[in-house]
Amino acid sequence: MDKIRVIRFEYGDAFFNMALDEAIMRAVGGGMSPPTLRIYGWDPPAVSVGYFQELKEEIDLEFCHDRKIQMVRRLSGGGAVLHTPKELTYSFSVRVDDPLVPQDVQGSYMKICAPIVSALRKLGVEANFRPINDIEVARRKVSGSAQTRRFGAVLQHGTILLGMDYSLLPALKTRPEKLAEKGVRDVRDRITTIGELLRREVKQSEFEDLLIRSFAAHFQASVEETKLCGMEELIPALEERYKSAEWTFRR
């Protein structure tokens, strides 16, 4: 891996965000783009569900409708995630046969999460990777990731909780048994934010710079900043698919 393409932070709605991640993945897997790190935010707030989840079991549809929270199904697996404008989200796409990324899922999570852990530590947050795909501070989650392997590429994307609008948490139907597995009774006890840990606001631009440098160092690659990927023409059609009820409620 000689070069990483970087698409710097911008806000998008749920459907654009997922469409662009998929377009990048297709471009990377097809050899039209180098490994790509994209950094972005969600506005308006949204809930994304994993590819294999039953949406109605994971999301309070009435709450989301009342609060104008968008709902979208990801191409990646994993659980339901609340996204607010206070977080930073990353996506990293790399060819599935890239020798720097392990072939096994657990190994690839560890490899791609390592730059995030390093960036958080440079910020002053004593973060650690916890299998399968979480980054924690004192056993409280500050980042979670999801992954898929399609079109000749690996796409891993995930949240980094710089901040959180806790008033929107009821959008998720969190099952008590799932929380019990983590040794907590409430979602508020399971997660924390970088702002809370450092007792100051951390802007997306501040952490973005740390994250880009960390990815370049960990993969020993140069950085090339661009606006969009080489598959821009796919984005409108992909957006329409992500907006469709057929896709969203497919399970």
C-alpha atoms as a PDB file:
ATOM      1  CA  MET A   1       0.000   0.000   0.000  1.00  0.00           C
ATOM      2  CA  ASP A   2       1.887   3.043  -1.254  1.00  0.00           C
ATOM      3  CA  LYS A   3      -0.886   5.614  -1.087  1.00  0.00           C
ATOM      4  CA  ILE A   4      -4.114   6.287   0.797  1.00  0.00           C
ATOM      5  CA  ARG A   5      -6.762   8.476  -0.792  1.00  0.00           C
ATOM      6  CA  VAL A   6      -8.384  10.736   1.814  1.00  0.00           C
ATOM      7  CA  ILE A   7     -11.813  12.353   1.517  1.00  0.00           C
ATOM      8  CA  ARG A   8     -12.003  14.928   4.297  1.00  0.00           C
ATOM      9  CA  PHE A   9     -14.876  15.607   6.655  1.00  0.00           C
ATOM     10  CA  GLU A  10     -18.256  16.685   5.364  1.00  0.00           C
ATOM     11  CA  TYR A  11     -21.795  16.206   6.612  1.00  0.00           C
ATOM     12  CA  GLY A  12     -24.240  14.094   4.647  1.00  0.00           C
ATOM     13  CA  ASP A  13     -27.620  12.542   5.230  1.00  0.00           C
ATOM     14  CA  ALA A  14     -27.936   8.812   5.902  1.00  0.00           C
ATOM     15  CA  PHE A  15     -28.616   7.816   2.311  1.00  0.00           C
ATOM     16  CA  PHE A  16     -25.778   9.814   0.769  1.00  0.00           C
ATOM     17  CA  ASN A  17     -23.348   8.570   3.409  1.00  0.00           C
ATOM     18  CA  MET A  18     -24.076   4.921   2.744  1.00  0.00           C
ATOM     19  CA  ALA A  19     -24.189   5.416  -1.027  1.00  0.00           C
ATOM     20  CA  LEU A  20     -20.788   7.104  -1.071  1.00  0.00           C
ATOM     21  CA  ASP A  21     -19.224   4.426   1.140  1.00  0.00           C
ATOM     22  CA  GLU A  22     -20.476   1.760  -1.267  1.00  0.00           C
ATOM     23  CA  ALA A  23     -19.326   3.706  -4.346  1.00  0.00           C
ATOM     24  CA  ILE A  24     -15.851   4.047  -2.853  1.00  0.00           C
ATOM     25  CA  MET A  25     -15.767   0.349  -2.030  1.00  0.00           C
ATOM     26  CA  ARG A  26     -16.692  -0.569  -5.589  1.00  0.00           C
ATOM     27  CA  ALA A  27     -14.037   1.782  -6.991  1.00  0.00           C
ATOM     28  CA  VAL A  28     -11.324   0.382  -4.734  1.00  0.00           C
ATOM     29  CA  GLY A  29     -12.280  -3.228  -5.389  1.00  0.00           C
ATOM     30  CA  GLY A  30     -12.369  -2.594  -9.132  1.00  0.00           C
ATOM     31  CA  GLY A  31      -8.876  -1.114  -9.137  1.00  0.00           C
ATOM     32  CA  MET A  32     -10.078   2.393 -10.053  1.00  0.00           C
ATOM     33  CA  SER A  33      -9.120   3.971  -6.720  1.00  0.00           C
ATOM     34  CA  PRO A  34      -6.358   3.354  -4.181  1.00  0.00           C
ATOM     35  CA  PRO A  35      -7.201   2.422  -0.571  1.00  0.00           C
ATOM     36  CA  THR A  36      -9.494   5.192   0.627  1.00  0.00           C
ATOM     37  CA  LEU A  37     -10.114   6.781   4.014  1.00  0.00           C
ATOM     38  CA  ARG A  38     -13.278   8.840   4.173  1.00  0.00           C
ATOM     39  CA  ILE A  39     -14.219  10.978   7.195  1.00  0.00           C
ATOM     40  CA  TYR A  40     -17.753  12.302   7.567  1.00  0.00           C
ATOM     41  CA  GLY A  41     -20.680  13.264   9.764  1.00  0.00           C
ATOM     42  CA  TRP A  42     -24.449  12.719   9.877  1.00  0.00           C
ATOM     43  CA  ASP A  43     -26.923  15.573   9.569  1.00  0.00           C
ATOM     44  CA  PRO A  44     -29.809  15.095  10.204  1.00  0.00           C
ATOM     45  CA  PRO A  45     -29.456  12.413  12.905  1.00  0.00           C
ATOM     46  CA  ALA A  46     -29.985   8.841  11.777  1.00  0.00           C
ATOM     47  CA  VAL A  47     -30.078   5.233  12.868  1.00  0.00           C
ATOM     48  CA  SER A  48     -28.287   2.673  10.723  1.00  0.00           C
ATOM     49  CA  VAL A  49     -29.035  -1.030  11.033  1.00  0.00           C
ATOM     50  CA  GLY A  50     -26.821  -3.904  10.015  1.00  0.00           C
ATOM     51  CA  TYR A  51     -27.443  -5.740   6.751  1.00  0.00           C
ATOM     52  CA  PHE A  52     -28.867  -8.820   8.486  1.00  0.00           C
ATOM     53  CA  GLN A  53     -31.025  -7.109  11.117  1.00  0.00           C
ATOM     54  CA  GLU A  54     -34.805  -6.882  11.362  1.00  0.00           C
ATOM     55  CA  LEU A  55     -35.335  -3.114  11.456  1.00  0.00           C
ATOM     56  CA  LYS A  56     -38.591  -3.117  13.430  1.00  0.00           C
ATOM     57  CA  GLU A  57     -36.948  -5.137  16.201  1.00  0.00           C
ATOM     58  CA  GLU A  58     -34.045  -2.697  16.527  1.00  0.00           C
ATOM     59  CA  ILE A  59     -35.598   0.754  16.067  1.00  0.00           C
ATOM     60  CA  ASP A  60     -38.482   2.645  17.663  1.00  0.00           C
ATOM     61  CA  LEU A  61     -40.141   3.736  14.414  1.00  0.00           C
ATOM     62  CA  GLU A  62     -42.572   6.147  16.065  1.00  0.00           C
ATOM     63  CA  PHE A  63     -39.816   7.901  18.018  1.00  0.00           C
ATOM     64  CA  CYS A  64     -37.709   8.276  14.863  1.00  0.00           C
ATOM     65  CA  HIS A  65     -40.651   9.659  12.925  1.00  0.00           C
ATOM     66  CA  ASP A  66     -41.477  12.190  15.652  1.00  0.00           C
ATOM     67  CA  ARG A  67     -37.852  13.337  15.982  1.00  0.00           C
ATOM     68  CA  LYS A  68     -37.180  13.291  12.219  1.00  0.00           C
ATOM     69  CA  ILE A  69     -34.422  10.710  12.611  1.00  0.00           C
ATOM     70  CA  GLN A  70     -33.557   9.019   9.327  1.00  0.00           C
ATOM     71  CA  MET A  71     -33.346   5.224   9.085  1.00  0.00           C
ATOM     72  CA  VAL A  72     -31.012   3.392   6.754  1.00  0.00           C
ATOM     73  CA  ARG A  73     -29.813  -0.178   6.258  1.00  0.00           C
ATOM     74  CA  ARG A  74     -26.053  -0.547   5.922  1.00  0.00           C
ATOM     75  CA  LEU A  75     -24.284  -2.867   3.534  1.00  0.00           C
ATOM     76  CA  SER A  76     -22.142  -3.985   6.480  1.00  0.00           C
ATOM     77  CA  GLY A  77     -23.148  -6.274   9.321  1.00  0.00           C
ATOM     78  CA  GLY A  78     -23.299  -5.501  13.023  1.00  0.00           C
ATOM     79  CA  GLY A  79     -25.927  -3.901  15.201  1.00  0.00           C
ATOM     80  CA  ALA A  80     -28.096  -0.800  15.110  1.00  0.00           C
ATOM     81  CA  VAL A  81     -26.231   2.477  15.636  1.00  0.00           C
ATOM     82  CA  LEU A  82     -27.471   5.957  16.495  1.00  0.00           C
ATOM     83  CA  HIS A  83     -25.642   8.685  14.566  1.00  0.00           C
ATOM     84  CA  THR A  84     -25.811  12.335  15.656  1.00  0.00           C
ATOM     85  CA  PRO A  85     -24.071  15.429  14.267  1.00  0.00           C
ATOM     86  CA  LYS A  86     -21.718  15.367  17.268  1.00  0.00           C
ATOM     87  CA  GLU A  87     -19.877  12.219  16.180  1.00  0.00           C
ATOM     88  CA  LEU A  88     -17.188  11.590  13.595  1.00  0.00           C
ATOM     89  CA  THR A  89     -17.539   8.593  11.297  1.00  0.00           C
ATOM     90  CA  TYR A  90     -14.793   7.003   9.256  1.00  0.00           C
ATOM     91  CA  SER A  91     -14.823   4.511   6.418  1.00  0.00           C
ATOM     92  CA  PHE A  92     -11.788   2.666   5.094  1.00  0.00           C
ATOM     93  CA  SER A  93     -11.885   0.686   1.869  1.00  0.00           C
ATOM     94  CA  VAL A  94      -9.032  -1.548   0.717  1.00  0.00           C
ATOM     95  CA  ARG A  95      -8.700  -4.359  -1.788  1.00  0.00           C
ATOM     96  CA  VAL A  96      -9.565  -7.703  -0.255  1.00  0.00           C
ATOM     97  CA  ASP A  97      -6.198  -9.118  -1.319  1.00  0.00           C
ATOM     98  CA  ASP A  98      -4.074  -6.258   0.072  1.00  0.00           C
ATOM     99  CA  PRO A  99      -1.206  -7.942   1.967  1.00  0.00           C
ATOM    100  CA  LEU A 100      -1.268  -5.315   4.731  1.00  0.00           C
ATOM    101  CA  VAL A 101      -4.797  -6.288   5.805  1.00  0.00           C
ATOM    102  CA  PRO A 102      -5.276  -9.765   7.331  1.00  0.00           C
ATOM    103  CA  GLN A 103      -7.686 -12.089   5.560  1.00  0.00           C
ATOM    104  CA  ASP A 104      -9.496 -13.123   8.732  1.00  0.00           C
ATOM    105  CA  VAL A 105     -12.223 -10.817  10.021  1.00  0.00           C
ATOM    106  CA  GLN A 106     -10.879 -10.429  13.568  1.00  0.00           C
ATOM    107  CA  GLY A 107      -7.373  -9.706  12.349  1.00  0.00           C
ATOM    108  CA  SER A 108      -8.605  -7.119   9.867  1.00  0.00           C
ATOM    109  CA  TYR A 109     -10.658  -5.363  12.552  1.00  0.00           C
ATOM    110  CA  MET A 110      -7.597  -5.132  14.767  1.00  0.00           C
ATOM    111  CA  LYS A 111      -5.426  -3.838  11.912  1.00  0.00           C
ATOM    112  CA  ILE A 112      -7.845  -1.138  10.761  1.00  0.00           C
ATOM    113  CA  CYS A 113      -8.803  -0.065  14.303  1.00  0.00           C
ATOM    114  CA  ALA A 114      -5.151   0.303  15.352  1.00  0.00           C
ATOM    115  CA  PRO A 115      -4.756   3.786  13.792  1.00  0.00           C
ATOM    116  CA  ILE A 116      -7.916   4.933  15.577  1.00  0.00           C
ATOM    117  CA  VAL A 117      -6.601   3.732  18.939  1.00  0.00           C
ATOM    118  CA  SER A 118      -3.295   5.467  18.249  1.00  0.00           C
ATOM    119  CA  ALA A 119      -5.000   8.751  17.305  1.00  0.00           C
ATOM    120  CA  LEU A 120      -7.128   8.657  20.460  1.00  0.00           C
ATOM    121  CA  ARG A 121      -4.067   8.093  22.624  1.00  0.00           C
ATOM    122  CA  LYS A 122      -2.283  11.038  21.018  1.00  0.00           C
ATOM    123  CA  LEU A 123      -5.318  13.109  21.920  1.00  0.00           C
ATOM    124  CA  GLY A 124      -4.895  12.023  25.547  1.00  0.00           C
ATOM    125  CA  VAL A 125      -7.515   9.258  25.678  1.00  0.00           C
ATOM    126  CA  GLU A 126      -6.307   5.892  27.010  1.00  0.00           C
ATOM    127  CA  ALA A 127      -8.218   3.801  24.492  1.00  0.00           C
ATOM    128  CA  ASN A 128      -7.915   0.070  23.843  1.00  0.00           C
ATOM    129  CA  PHE A 129      -9.236  -2.256  21.170  1.00  0.00           C
ATOM    130  CA  ARG A 130     -11.688  -4.857  22.421  1.00  0.00           C
ATOM    131  CA  PRO A 131     -12.714  -7.749  20.164  1.00  0.00           C
ATOM    132  CA  ILE A 132     -14.693  -8.133  18.126  1.00  0.00           C
ATOM    133  CA  ASN A 133     -14.892  -4.554  16.886  1.00  0.00           C
ATOM    134  CA  ASP A 134     -15.038  -2.020  19.722  1.00  0.00           C
ATOM    135  CA  ILE A 135     -12.672   0.603  21.093  1.00  0.00           C
ATOM    136  CA  GLU A 136     -13.118   1.297  24.786  1.00  0.00           C
ATOM    137  CA  VAL A 137     -11.887   3.470  27.616  1.00  0.00           C
ATOM    138  CA  ALA A 138     -12.214   1.840  31.036  1.00  0.00           C
ATOM    139  CA  ARG A 139     -14.655  -0.669  29.476  1.00  0.00           C
ATOM    140  CA  ARG A 140     -16.912   2.065  28.113  1.00  0.00           C
ATOM    141  CA  LYS A 141     -17.322   2.227  24.358  1.00  0.00           C
ATOM    142  CA  VAL A 142     -16.105   5.273  22.423  1.00  0.00           C
ATOM    143  CA  SER A 143     -15.971   3.678  18.978  1.00  0.00           C
ATOM    144  CA  GLY A 144     -17.573   0.753  17.186  1.00  0.00           C
ATOM    145  CA  SER A 145     -17.060  -0.553  13.671  1.00  0.00           C
ATOM    146  CA  ALA A 146     -18.783  -2.762  11.109  1.00  0.00           C
ATOM    147  CA  GLN A 147     -17.368  -4.522   8.070  1.00  0.00           C
ATOM    148  CA  THR A 148     -18.329  -6.093   4.777  1.00  0.00           C
ATOM    149  CA  ARG A 149     -16.394  -7.816   1.986  1.00  0.00           C
ATOM    150  CA  ARG A 150     -17.844  -7.365  -1.485  1.00  0.00           C
ATOM    151  CA  PHE A 151     -16.873  -6.229  -4.969  1.00  0.00           C
ATOM    152  CA  GLY A 152     -13.249  -7.269  -4.405  1.00  0.00           C
ATOM    153  CA  ALA A 153     -12.797  -4.978  -1.396  1.00  0.00           C
ATOM    154  CA  VAL A 154     -13.077  -4.748   2.367  1.00  0.00           C
ATOM    155  CA  LEU A 155     -15.146  -1.849   3.687  1.00  0.00           C
ATOM    156  CA  GLN A 156     -14.894  -1.045   7.365  1.00  0.00           C
ATOM    157  CA  HIS A 157     -16.741   1.936   8.731  1.00  0.00           C
ATOM    158  CA  GLY A 158     -17.525   3.063  12.234  1.00  0.00           C
ATOM    159  CA  THR A 159     -18.305   5.790  14.724  1.00  0.00           C
ATOM    160  CA  ILE A 160     -15.977   7.785  16.942  1.00  0.00           C
ATOM    161  CA  LEU A 161     -17.998   9.440  19.699  1.00  0.00           C
ATOM    162  CA  LEU A 162     -16.546  12.919  20.017  1.00  0.00           C
ATOM    163  CA  GLY A 163     -19.944  13.869  21.451  1.00  0.00           C
ATOM    164  CA  MET A 164     -23.437  12.424  21.739  1.00  0.00           C
ATOM    165  CA  ASP A 165     -26.994  13.720  21.851  1.00  0.00           C
ATOM    166  CA  TYR A 166     -28.259  11.377  24.573  1.00  0.00           C
ATOM    167  CA  SER A 167     -31.834  12.604  24.160  1.00  0.00           C
ATOM    168  CA  LEU A 168     -32.012  10.577  20.933  1.00  0.00           C
ATOM    169  CA  LEU A 169     -31.008   7.215  22.447  1.00  0.00           C
ATOM    170  CA  PRO A 170     -34.644   6.014  22.742  1.00  0.00           C
ATOM    171  CA  ALA A 171     -34.508   5.593  18.947  1.00  0.00           C
ATOM    172  CA  LEU A 172     -32.787   2.275  19.657  1.00  0.00           C
ATOM    173  CA  LYS A 173     -34.592  -0.709  21.142  1.00  0.00           C
ATOM    174  CA  THR A 174     -31.714  -1.950  23.244  1.00  0.00           C
ATOM    175  CA  ARG A 175     -32.416  -5.394  24.684  1.00  0.00           C
ATOM    176  CA  PRO A 176     -31.621  -5.862  28.406  1.00  0.00           C
ATOM    177  CA  GLU A 177     -29.861  -9.180  27.776  1.00  0.00           C
ATOM    178  CA  LYS A 178     -27.462  -7.495  25.359  1.00  0.00           C
ATOM    179  CA  LEU A 179     -26.571  -4.877  27.956  1.00  0.00           C
ATOM    180  CA  ALA A 180     -26.199  -7.582  30.602  1.00  0.00           C
ATOM    181  CA  GLU A 181     -23.537  -9.240  28.463  1.00  0.00           C
ATOM    182  CA  LYS A 182     -21.521  -6.030  28.851  1.00  0.00           C
ATOM    183  CA  GLY A 183     -22.170  -5.861  32.590  1.00  0.00           C
ATOM    184  CA  VAL A 184     -24.413  -2.771  32.470  1.00  0.00           C
ATOM    185  CA  ARG A 185     -28.110  -2.016  32.810  1.00  0.00           C
ATOM    186  CA  ASP A 186     -28.378   1.130  30.710  1.00  0.00           C
ATOM    187  CA  VAL A 187     -26.887   2.338  27.419  1.00  0.00           C
ATOM    188  CA  ARG A 188     -25.590   5.438  29.201  1.00  0.00           C
ATOM    189  CA  ASP A 189     -23.419   3.143  31.332  1.00  0.00           C
ATOM    190  CA  ARG A 190     -22.032   1.385  28.261  1.00  0.00           C
ATOM    191  CA  ILE A 191     -20.841   4.366  26.197  1.00  0.00           C
ATOM    192  CA  THR A 192     -18.898   7.562  26.774  1.00  0.00           C
ATOM    193  CA  THR A 193     -17.606  10.355  24.577  1.00  0.00           C
ATOM    194  CA  ILE A 194     -14.217  11.916  23.937  1.00  0.00           C
ATOM    195  CA  GLY A 195     -15.595  15.250  25.090  1.00  0.00           C
ATOM    196  CA  GLU A 196     -16.681  13.773  28.418  1.00  0.00           C
ATOM    197  CA  LEU A 197     -13.349  12.047  28.938  1.00  0.00           C
ATOM    198  CA  LEU A 198     -11.274  15.144  28.175  1.00  0.00           C
ATOM    199  CA  ARG A 199     -13.788  17.577  29.675  1.00  0.00           C
ATOM    200  CA  ARG A 200     -13.660  19.775  26.615  1.00  0.00           C
ATOM    201  CA  GLU A 201     -15.183  19.939  23.158  1.00  0.00           C
ATOM    202  CA  VAL A 202     -13.171  18.124  20.508  1.00  0.00           C
ATOM    203  CA  LYS A 203     -14.010  19.374  17.034  1.00  0.00           C
ATOM    204  CA  GLN A 204     -14.133  17.033  14.071  1.00  0.00           C
ATOM    205  CA  SER A 205     -11.317  18.930  12.356  1.00  0.00           C
ATOM    206  CA  GLU A 206      -8.978  18.383  15.308  1.00  0.00           C
ATOM    207  CA  PHE A 207      -9.448  14.639  15.427  1.00  0.00           C
ATOM    208  CA  GLU A 208      -9.575  14.329  11.639  1.00  0.00           C
ATOM    209  CA  ASP A 209      -5.979  15.538  11.309  1.00  0.00           C
ATOM    210  CA  LEU A 210      -4.783  13.076  13.955  1.00  0.00           C
ATOM    211  CA  LEU A 211      -6.657  10.236  12.284  1.00  0.00           C
ATOM    212  CA  ILE A 212      -5.258  10.902   8.812  1.00  0.00           C
ATOM    213  CA  ARG A 213      -1.683  11.012  10.091  1.00  0.00           C
ATOM    214  CA  SER A 214      -2.257   7.858  12.106  1.00  0.00           C
ATOM    215  CA  PHE A 215      -3.594   5.872   9.138  1.00  0.00           C
ATOM    216  CA  ALA A 216      -0.657   7.019   6.995  1.00  0.00           C
ATOM    217  CA  ALA A 217       1.833   5.971   9.682  1.00  0.00           C
ATOM    218  CA  HIS A 218       0.271   2.589  10.418  1.00  0.00           C
ATOM    219  CA  PHE A 219       0.047   1.629   6.750  1.00  0.00           C
ATOM    220  CA  GLN A 220       3.321   3.363   5.838  1.00  0.00           C
ATOM    221  CA  ALA A 221       1.599   5.205   3.008  1.00  0.00           C
ATOM    222  CA  SER A 222       1.511   8.699   1.576  1.00  0.00           C
ATOM    223  CA  VAL A 223      -1.745  10.672   1.585  1.00  0.00           C
ATOM    224  CA  GLU A 224      -3.591  12.063  -1.426  1.00  0.00           C
ATOM    225  CA  GLU A 225      -6.574  14.276  -0.608  1.00  0.00           C
ATOM    226  CA  THR A 226      -9.493  14.366  -3.033  1.00  0.00           C
ATOM    227  CA  LYS A 227     -13.127  15.451  -2.949  1.00  0.00           C
ATOM    228  CA  LEU A 228     -14.916  12.334  -4.195  1.00  0.00           C
ATOM    229  CA  CYS A 229     -14.167   8.851  -5.413  1.00  0.00           C
ATOM    230  CA  GLY A 230     -13.801   7.518  -8.925  1.00  0.00           C
ATOM    231  CA  MET A 231     -17.350   6.163  -8.980  1.00  0.00           C
ATOM    232  CA  GLU A 232     -19.336   9.388  -8.524  1.00  0.00           C
ATOM    233  CA  GLU A 233     -21.713   8.385 -11.294  1.00  0.00           C
ATOM    234  CA  LEU A 234     -23.020   5.521  -9.141  1.00  0.00           C
ATOM    235  CA  ILE A 235     -23.963   7.686  -6.176  1.00  0.00           C
ATOM    236  CA  PRO A 236     -27.432   8.911  -7.294  1.00  0.00           C
ATOM    237  CA  ALA A 237     -28.647   5.385  -8.122  1.00  0.00           C
ATOM    238  CA  LEU A 238     -27.197   3.993  -4.888  1.00  0.00           C
ATOM    239  CA  GLU A 239     -28.851   6.796  -2.905  1.00  0.00           C
ATOM    240  CA  GLU A 240     -32.232   5.888  -4.355  1.00  0.00           C
ATOM    241  CA  ARG A 241     -31.719   2.272  -3.314  1.00  0.00           C
ATOM    242  CA  TYR A 242     -30.789   3.240   0.242  1.00  0.00           C
ATOM    243  CA  LYS A 243     -33.864   5.506   0.433  1.00  0.00           C
ATOM    244  CA  SER A 244     -36.242   2.793  -0.756  1.00  0.00           C
ATOM    245  CA  ALA A 245     -38.556   0.959   1.628  1.00  0.00           C
ATOM    246  CA  GLU A 246     -37.746  -2.258  -0.232  1.00  0.00           C
ATOM    247  CA  TRP A 247     -34.113  -1.973   0.887  1.00  0.00           C
ATOM    248  CA  THR A 248     -34.736  -0.540   4.349  1.00  0.00           C
ATOM    249  CA  PHE A 249     -37.422  -3.058   5.366  1.00  0.00           C
ATOM    250  CA  ARG A 250     -36.031  -6.034   3.462  1.00  0.00           C
ATOM    251  CA  ARG A 251     -35.806  -8.072   6.673  1.00  0.00           C
END
